[in-house]
Every structure is written in structure tokens, then in C-alpha cells.
Amino acid sequence: MNLPAINQRVKDIVHLYANGSDKKFSELLELSNSQKFNRIFNVDSRNNKIPLPTSETLIAIANKFSDIDLEWLLTGKGEMIKKEEIEFSSGTIEIIKQQLQTINSQQRTIEELIKKIPVSIAGIA
């Protein structure tokens, strides 16, 4: 029997953060019962179905792993790991540009100095 999609997404997270160990993952989430967590990956013999993750489990994942995209976890849309966008102020961008110009200038100076080193000395290094 195939895992429900949300269970498979939880299993993917278990593989990422606990090398596939349900017990270790339960400990990371500080869940009181690792066996209860493990049930979401196995058929329940009482009804022949695989139980869905509890809200407690989903909330624990959301609280513990802030890099997990919750829309992906709940719906499967998007990517597992959030893509962070970094925003810089215009002042920060100017500083970065100036630093890059300085680095480029230093690189050119180094290249010019290397050209001036006599061949006999350069061969020693």
C-alpha cells in the first residue's frame, strides 16, 4: 500500500533530518511517543489504512524546522526547503559594489606584479 502524499512528505523530512530514523526524528521533535509517530508509515491492522500525521506532529515539524516550506508540507506545492530571498538596502548594495571594485583592482595589481617577476625567480616557487 502506498503512503498518503502527506505521509510521504513527512518521511522525506525524516530522511533529511534523521537519516530515516523515526525514533531519532521523534526525539528531535520532542514527541512523547515515537511508536505513535512511526504508525503514520505503516498500515493499521484495525482498519487496513495508513493513519495521517496528527496536527501535533505537523505543528512540531513547523516549529522545529523553520526552513521547511509549510505549503509544501501540507499540500505538496512548491519545494520542501524554503528559498530565502535576501533584500539589501540601496546603501548596502553600493558598499558591495565598492568592495567588488576594490577586489578587482587588487586582482589586476597582483597580475601586473606577477608579470614583472623575473622568469628565473618565478620558476622557483
N, C-alpha and C. Protein backbone atom coordinates (compact mmCIF):
# COMPACT_ATOMS: atom_id res chain seq x y z
N MET A 1 0.85 -1.18 0.00
CA MET A 1 0.00 0.00 0.00
C MET A 1 0.89 1.24 0.00
N ASN A 2 0.56 2.19 -0.87
CA ASN A 2 1.33 3.43 -0.95
C ASN A 2 0.99 4.35 0.20
N LEU A 3 2.01 5.09 0.64
CA LEU A 3 1.79 6.08 1.69
C LEU A 3 0.94 7.22 1.14
N PRO A 4 0.04 7.77 1.97
CA PRO A 4 -0.62 9.01 1.56
C PRO A 4 0.44 10.08 1.29
N ALA A 5 0.13 11.02 0.41
CA ALA A 5 1.12 12.01 -0.02
C ALA A 5 1.72 12.79 1.15
N ILE A 6 0.91 13.20 2.10
CA ILE A 6 1.44 13.98 3.23
C ILE A 6 2.37 13.12 4.09
N ASN A 7 2.05 11.84 4.22
CA ASN A 7 2.92 10.94 4.98
C ASN A 7 4.26 10.81 4.28
N GLN A 8 4.24 10.73 2.96
CA GLN A 8 5.49 10.62 2.20
C GLN A 8 6.33 11.88 2.37
N ARG A 9 5.68 13.05 2.41
CA ARG A 9 6.43 14.29 2.62
C ARG A 9 7.06 14.29 4.01
N VAL A 10 6.33 13.82 5.01
CA VAL A 10 6.91 13.72 6.36
C VAL A 10 8.09 12.75 6.34
N LYS A 11 7.93 11.64 5.64
CA LYS A 11 9.01 10.66 5.54
C LYS A 11 10.24 11.28 4.87
N ASP A 12 10.03 12.12 3.85
CA ASP A 12 11.15 12.82 3.21
C ASP A 12 11.89 13.71 4.20
N ILE A 13 11.14 14.36 5.08
CA ILE A 13 11.75 15.22 6.10
C ILE A 13 12.53 14.36 7.11
N VAL A 14 11.97 13.20 7.46
CA VAL A 14 12.66 12.27 8.37
C VAL A 14 13.99 11.84 7.76
N HIS A 15 14.00 11.55 6.47
CA HIS A 15 15.25 11.17 5.80
C HIS A 15 16.26 12.31 5.82
N LEU A 16 15.77 13.52 5.61
CA LEU A 16 16.67 14.68 5.56
C LEU A 16 17.29 14.99 6.91
N TYR A 17 16.50 14.97 7.98
CA TYR A 17 16.98 15.43 9.28
C TYR A 17 17.39 14.33 10.24
N ALA A 18 16.97 13.07 9.96
CA ALA A 18 17.28 12.00 10.91
C ALA A 18 17.75 10.73 10.20
N ASN A 19 18.26 10.89 8.99
CA ASN A 19 18.77 9.75 8.23
C ASN A 19 17.77 8.60 8.19
N GLY A 20 16.47 8.94 8.13
CA GLY A 20 15.44 7.92 8.01
C GLY A 20 15.02 7.27 9.32
N SER A 21 15.58 7.69 10.43
CA SER A 21 15.27 7.09 11.72
C SER A 21 14.04 7.76 12.34
N ASP A 22 12.94 7.01 12.40
CA ASP A 22 11.71 7.55 13.00
C ASP A 22 11.93 7.89 14.47
N LYS A 23 12.68 7.04 15.17
CA LYS A 23 12.94 7.25 16.60
C LYS A 23 13.72 8.54 16.82
N LYS A 24 14.80 8.70 16.04
CA LYS A 24 15.63 9.90 16.17
C LYS A 24 14.81 11.14 15.83
N PHE A 25 13.99 11.04 14.79
CA PHE A 25 13.18 12.19 14.39
C PHE A 25 12.17 12.55 15.48
N SER A 26 11.56 11.54 16.08
CA SER A 26 10.62 11.78 17.18
C SER A 26 11.31 12.50 18.33
N GLU A 27 12.56 12.12 18.59
CA GLU A 27 13.33 12.78 19.63
C GLU A 27 13.61 14.24 19.27
N LEU A 28 13.95 14.47 17.99
CA LEU A 28 14.19 15.84 17.54
C LEU A 28 12.95 16.71 17.74
N LEU A 29 11.79 16.11 17.47
CA LEU A 29 10.54 16.84 17.62
C LEU A 29 10.05 16.89 19.06
N GLU A 30 10.72 16.13 19.92
CA GLU A 30 10.35 16.02 21.33
C GLU A 30 8.93 15.49 21.47
N LEU A 31 8.59 14.50 20.61
CA LEU A 31 7.29 13.84 20.72
C LEU A 31 7.37 12.82 21.84
N SER A 32 6.28 12.67 22.56
CA SER A 32 6.29 11.79 23.73
C SER A 32 6.34 10.31 23.35
N ASN A 33 5.87 9.96 22.15
CA ASN A 33 5.76 8.55 21.80
C ASN A 33 6.24 8.31 20.37
N SER A 34 7.44 7.77 20.22
CA SER A 34 7.97 7.54 18.88
C SER A 34 7.20 6.44 18.14
N GLN A 35 6.63 5.49 18.88
CA GLN A 35 5.85 4.44 18.24
C GLN A 35 4.60 5.01 17.60
N LYS A 36 3.98 5.97 18.27
CA LYS A 36 2.80 6.63 17.71
C LYS A 36 3.16 7.36 16.42
N PHE A 37 4.32 8.00 16.40
CA PHE A 37 4.78 8.69 15.20
C PHE A 37 5.04 7.69 14.08
N ASN A 38 5.65 6.58 14.40
CA ASN A 38 6.00 5.56 13.42
C ASN A 38 4.77 4.98 12.71
N ARG A 39 3.63 5.05 13.34
CA ARG A 39 2.39 4.49 12.77
C ARG A 39 2.00 5.15 11.46
N ILE A 40 2.41 6.39 11.25
CA ILE A 40 1.99 7.07 10.02
C ILE A 40 2.69 6.51 8.78
N PHE A 41 3.59 5.57 8.99
CA PHE A 41 4.28 4.94 7.86
C PHE A 41 3.88 3.48 7.68
N ASN A 42 2.91 3.02 8.46
CA ASN A 42 2.53 1.61 8.42
C ASN A 42 1.01 1.45 8.39
N VAL A 43 0.56 0.35 7.82
CA VAL A 43 -0.86 0.04 7.76
C VAL A 43 -1.35 -0.33 9.14
N ASP A 44 -2.46 0.29 9.56
CA ASP A 44 -3.11 -0.03 10.83
C ASP A 44 -3.94 -1.29 10.62
N SER A 45 -3.62 -2.33 11.35
CA SER A 45 -4.30 -3.62 11.16
C SER A 45 -5.77 -3.57 11.54
N ARG A 46 -6.18 -2.58 12.31
CA ARG A 46 -7.58 -2.49 12.72
C ARG A 46 -8.49 -2.05 11.59
N ASN A 47 -7.98 -1.18 10.71
CA ASN A 47 -8.82 -0.70 9.61
C ASN A 47 -8.17 -0.83 8.24
N ASN A 48 -6.98 -1.41 8.21
CA ASN A 48 -6.25 -1.64 6.98
C ASN A 48 -5.93 -0.34 6.22
N LYS A 49 -5.71 0.75 6.98
CA LYS A 49 -5.36 2.04 6.40
C LYS A 49 -4.11 2.58 7.09
N ILE A 50 -3.45 3.50 6.41
CA ILE A 50 -2.30 4.18 6.99
C ILE A 50 -2.81 5.49 7.59
N PRO A 51 -2.62 5.70 8.90
CA PRO A 51 -3.12 6.94 9.52
C PRO A 51 -2.34 8.16 9.04
N LEU A 52 -3.03 9.29 8.95
CA LEU A 52 -2.39 10.55 8.57
C LEU A 52 -1.65 11.14 9.77
N PRO A 53 -0.66 12.00 9.52
CA PRO A 53 0.04 12.64 10.64
C PRO A 53 -0.94 13.48 11.46
N THR A 54 -0.72 13.51 12.75
CA THR A 54 -1.58 14.31 13.62
C THR A 54 -1.20 15.79 13.49
N SER A 55 -2.10 16.64 13.92
CA SER A 55 -1.80 18.07 13.92
C SER A 55 -0.63 18.35 14.86
N GLU A 56 -0.52 17.58 15.94
CA GLU A 56 0.60 17.73 16.88
C GLU A 56 1.92 17.51 16.15
N THR A 57 1.98 16.48 15.31
CA THR A 57 3.20 16.18 14.56
C THR A 57 3.51 17.29 13.57
N LEU A 58 2.52 17.73 12.82
CA LEU A 58 2.73 18.77 11.80
C LEU A 58 3.17 20.08 12.44
N ILE A 59 2.56 20.42 13.57
CA ILE A 59 2.95 21.65 14.28
C ILE A 59 4.37 21.52 14.82
N ALA A 60 4.72 20.35 15.34
CA ALA A 60 6.07 20.14 15.85
C ALA A 60 7.11 20.29 14.73
N ILE A 61 6.79 19.76 13.55
CA ILE A 61 7.70 19.91 12.40
C ILE A 61 7.84 21.39 12.05
N ALA A 62 6.72 22.09 11.99
CA ALA A 62 6.74 23.52 11.64
C ALA A 62 7.56 24.32 12.65
N ASN A 63 7.43 23.98 13.92
CA ASN A 63 8.16 24.71 14.97
C ASN A 63 9.65 24.38 14.99
N LYS A 64 9.99 23.15 14.69
CA LYS A 64 11.39 22.70 14.79
C LYS A 64 12.20 23.05 13.55
N PHE A 65 11.58 22.94 12.38
CA PHE A 65 12.33 23.11 11.13
C PHE A 65 11.78 24.29 10.35
N SER A 66 12.27 25.47 10.68
CA SER A 66 11.76 26.69 10.06
C SER A 66 12.11 26.79 8.57
N ASP A 67 13.04 25.96 8.11
CA ASP A 67 13.40 26.00 6.69
C ASP A 67 12.47 25.15 5.83
N ILE A 68 11.59 24.37 6.45
CA ILE A 68 10.63 23.57 5.70
C ILE A 68 9.48 24.47 5.26
N ASP A 69 9.15 24.41 3.99
CA ASP A 69 8.05 25.20 3.45
C ASP A 69 6.74 24.53 3.87
N LEU A 70 5.95 25.23 4.66
CA LEU A 70 4.72 24.64 5.20
C LEU A 70 3.69 24.38 4.11
N GLU A 71 3.67 25.19 3.08
CA GLU A 71 2.74 24.92 1.97
C GLU A 71 3.10 23.59 1.32
N TRP A 72 4.39 23.35 1.14
CA TRP A 72 4.82 22.06 0.59
C TRP A 72 4.41 20.92 1.52
N LEU A 73 4.66 21.09 2.80
CA LEU A 73 4.35 20.04 3.76
C LEU A 73 2.86 19.69 3.72
N LEU A 74 2.01 20.70 3.71
CA LEU A 74 0.57 20.45 3.79
C LEU A 74 -0.07 20.09 2.46
N THR A 75 0.44 20.68 1.36
CA THR A 75 -0.25 20.50 0.06
C THR A 75 0.60 19.82 -1.01
N GLY A 76 1.92 19.85 -0.81
CA GLY A 76 2.80 19.30 -1.84
C GLY A 76 3.20 20.32 -2.89
N LYS A 77 2.68 21.54 -2.79
CA LYS A 77 3.01 22.58 -3.78
C LYS A 77 4.33 23.24 -3.40
N GLY A 78 5.16 23.47 -4.40
CA GLY A 78 6.43 24.13 -4.16
C GLY A 78 7.54 23.15 -3.83
N GLU A 79 8.54 23.65 -3.13
CA GLU A 79 9.72 22.86 -2.78
C GLU A 79 9.74 22.60 -1.28
N MET A 80 10.42 21.53 -0.87
CA MET A 80 10.50 21.18 0.55
C MET A 80 11.18 22.29 1.36
N ILE A 81 12.30 22.77 0.85
CA ILE A 81 13.07 23.78 1.58
C ILE A 81 12.72 25.16 1.04
N LYS A 82 12.45 26.08 1.96
CA LYS A 82 12.12 27.45 1.57
C LYS A 82 13.30 28.06 0.83
N LYS A 83 12.98 28.82 -0.17
CA LYS A 83 14.01 29.60 -0.86
C LYS A 83 14.00 30.98 -0.24
N GLU A 84 15.11 31.33 0.38
CA GLU A 84 15.17 32.62 1.04
C GLU A 84 15.63 33.69 0.07
N GLU A 85 14.91 34.78 0.09
CA GLU A 85 15.29 35.93 -0.71
C GLU A 85 15.94 36.95 0.22
N ILE A 86 17.10 37.39 -0.18
CA ILE A 86 17.83 38.36 0.63
C ILE A 86 17.58 39.74 0.04
N GLU A 87 17.15 40.64 0.88
CA GLU A 87 16.92 42.01 0.44
C GLU A 87 18.00 42.90 1.03
N PHE A 88 18.57 43.71 0.15
CA PHE A 88 19.60 44.64 0.58
C PHE A 88 19.09 46.06 0.38
N SER A 89 19.48 46.94 1.27
CA SER A 89 19.15 48.35 1.08
C SER A 89 20.06 48.89 -0.01
N SER A 90 19.68 50.02 -0.58
CA SER A 90 20.50 50.60 -1.65
C SER A 90 21.89 50.95 -1.12
N GLY A 91 21.99 51.36 0.16
CA GLY A 91 23.30 51.67 0.74
C GLY A 91 24.18 50.44 0.82
N THR A 92 23.59 49.30 1.19
CA THR A 92 24.34 48.05 1.27
C THR A 92 24.82 47.62 -0.11
N ILE A 93 23.97 47.78 -1.11
CA ILE A 93 24.34 47.42 -2.48
C ILE A 93 25.52 48.27 -2.95
N GLU A 94 25.52 49.55 -2.62
CA GLU A 94 26.63 50.43 -3.00
C GLU A 94 27.94 49.99 -2.33
N ILE A 95 27.86 49.62 -1.05
CA ILE A 95 29.06 49.15 -0.34
C ILE A 95 29.59 47.89 -1.00
N ILE A 96 28.71 46.97 -1.35
CA ILE A 96 29.13 45.72 -2.01
C ILE A 96 29.78 46.03 -3.35
N LYS A 97 29.19 46.94 -4.12
CA LYS A 97 29.78 47.32 -5.41
C LYS A 97 31.18 47.90 -5.22
N GLN A 98 31.34 48.77 -4.22
CA GLN A 98 32.66 49.37 -3.96
C GLN A 98 33.68 48.30 -3.57
N GLN A 99 33.26 47.36 -2.75
CA GLN A 99 34.16 46.30 -2.33
C GLN A 99 34.57 45.43 -3.53
N LEU A 100 33.63 45.15 -4.40
CA LEU A 100 33.95 44.36 -5.60
C LEU A 100 34.92 45.11 -6.50
N GLN A 101 34.74 46.42 -6.64
CA GLN A 101 35.67 47.22 -7.43
C GLN A 101 37.07 47.18 -6.83
N THR A 102 37.15 47.28 -5.52
CA THR A 102 38.44 47.21 -4.82
C THR A 102 39.10 45.86 -5.06
N ILE A 103 38.34 44.79 -4.94
CA ILE A 103 38.87 43.45 -5.16
C ILE A 103 39.37 43.30 -6.60
N ASN A 104 38.60 43.77 -7.56
CA ASN A 104 39.02 43.70 -8.96
C ASN A 104 40.30 44.49 -9.20
N SER A 105 40.40 45.67 -8.60
CA SER A 105 41.60 46.50 -8.74
C SER A 105 42.81 45.79 -8.14
N GLN A 106 42.63 45.19 -6.96
CA GLN A 106 43.73 44.46 -6.32
C GLN A 106 44.14 43.25 -7.16
N GLN A 107 43.19 42.59 -7.75
CA GLN A 107 43.49 41.43 -8.60
C GLN A 107 44.33 41.85 -9.81
N ARG A 108 43.96 42.98 -10.42
CA ARG A 108 44.74 43.48 -11.57
C ARG A 108 46.17 43.84 -11.14
N THR A 109 46.30 44.46 -9.96
CA THR A 109 47.62 44.82 -9.45
C THR A 109 48.47 43.58 -9.24
N ILE A 110 47.89 42.56 -8.65
CA ILE A 110 48.60 41.30 -8.42
C ILE A 110 49.05 40.70 -9.74
N GLU A 111 48.16 40.68 -10.73
CA GLU A 111 48.51 40.11 -12.04
C GLU A 111 49.65 40.89 -12.69
N GLU A 112 49.64 42.23 -12.57
CA GLU A 112 50.71 43.04 -13.13
C GLU A 112 52.04 42.78 -12.43
N LEU A 113 52.01 42.63 -11.10
CA LEU A 113 53.23 42.35 -10.35
C LEU A 113 53.80 40.98 -10.71
N ILE A 114 52.92 40.01 -10.91
CA ILE A 114 53.39 38.67 -11.30
C ILE A 114 54.12 38.72 -12.62
N LYS A 115 53.64 39.54 -13.54
CA LYS A 115 54.29 39.66 -14.86
C LYS A 115 55.70 40.25 -14.75
N LYS A 116 55.94 41.05 -13.71
CA LYS A 116 57.23 41.71 -13.54
C LYS A 116 58.26 40.82 -12.84
N ILE A 117 57.84 39.72 -12.29
CA ILE A 117 58.76 38.82 -11.60
C ILE A 117 59.64 38.16 -12.65
N PRO A 118 60.97 38.20 -12.47
CA PRO A 118 61.85 37.55 -13.45
C PRO A 118 61.51 36.05 -13.57
N VAL A 119 61.61 35.54 -14.76
CA VAL A 119 61.26 34.15 -15.04
C VAL A 119 62.06 33.20 -14.16
N SER A 120 63.33 33.47 -13.93
CA SER A 120 64.17 32.57 -13.14
C SER A 120 63.68 32.49 -11.69
N ILE A 121 63.21 33.58 -11.15
CA ILE A 121 62.70 33.58 -9.77
C ILE A 121 61.32 32.92 -9.74
N ALA A 122 60.50 33.21 -10.73
CA ALA A 122 59.15 32.65 -10.77
C ALA A 122 59.19 31.14 -10.84
N GLY A 123 60.22 30.58 -11.48
CA GLY A 123 60.32 29.12 -11.61
C GLY A 123 60.65 28.45 -10.29
N ILE A 124 61.15 29.18 -9.30
CA ILE A 124 61.50 28.61 -8.01
C ILE A 124 60.26 28.21 -7.21
N ALA A 125 59.25 29.03 -7.29
CA ALA A 125 58.04 28.81 -6.48
C ALA A 125 57.30 27.63 -6.89
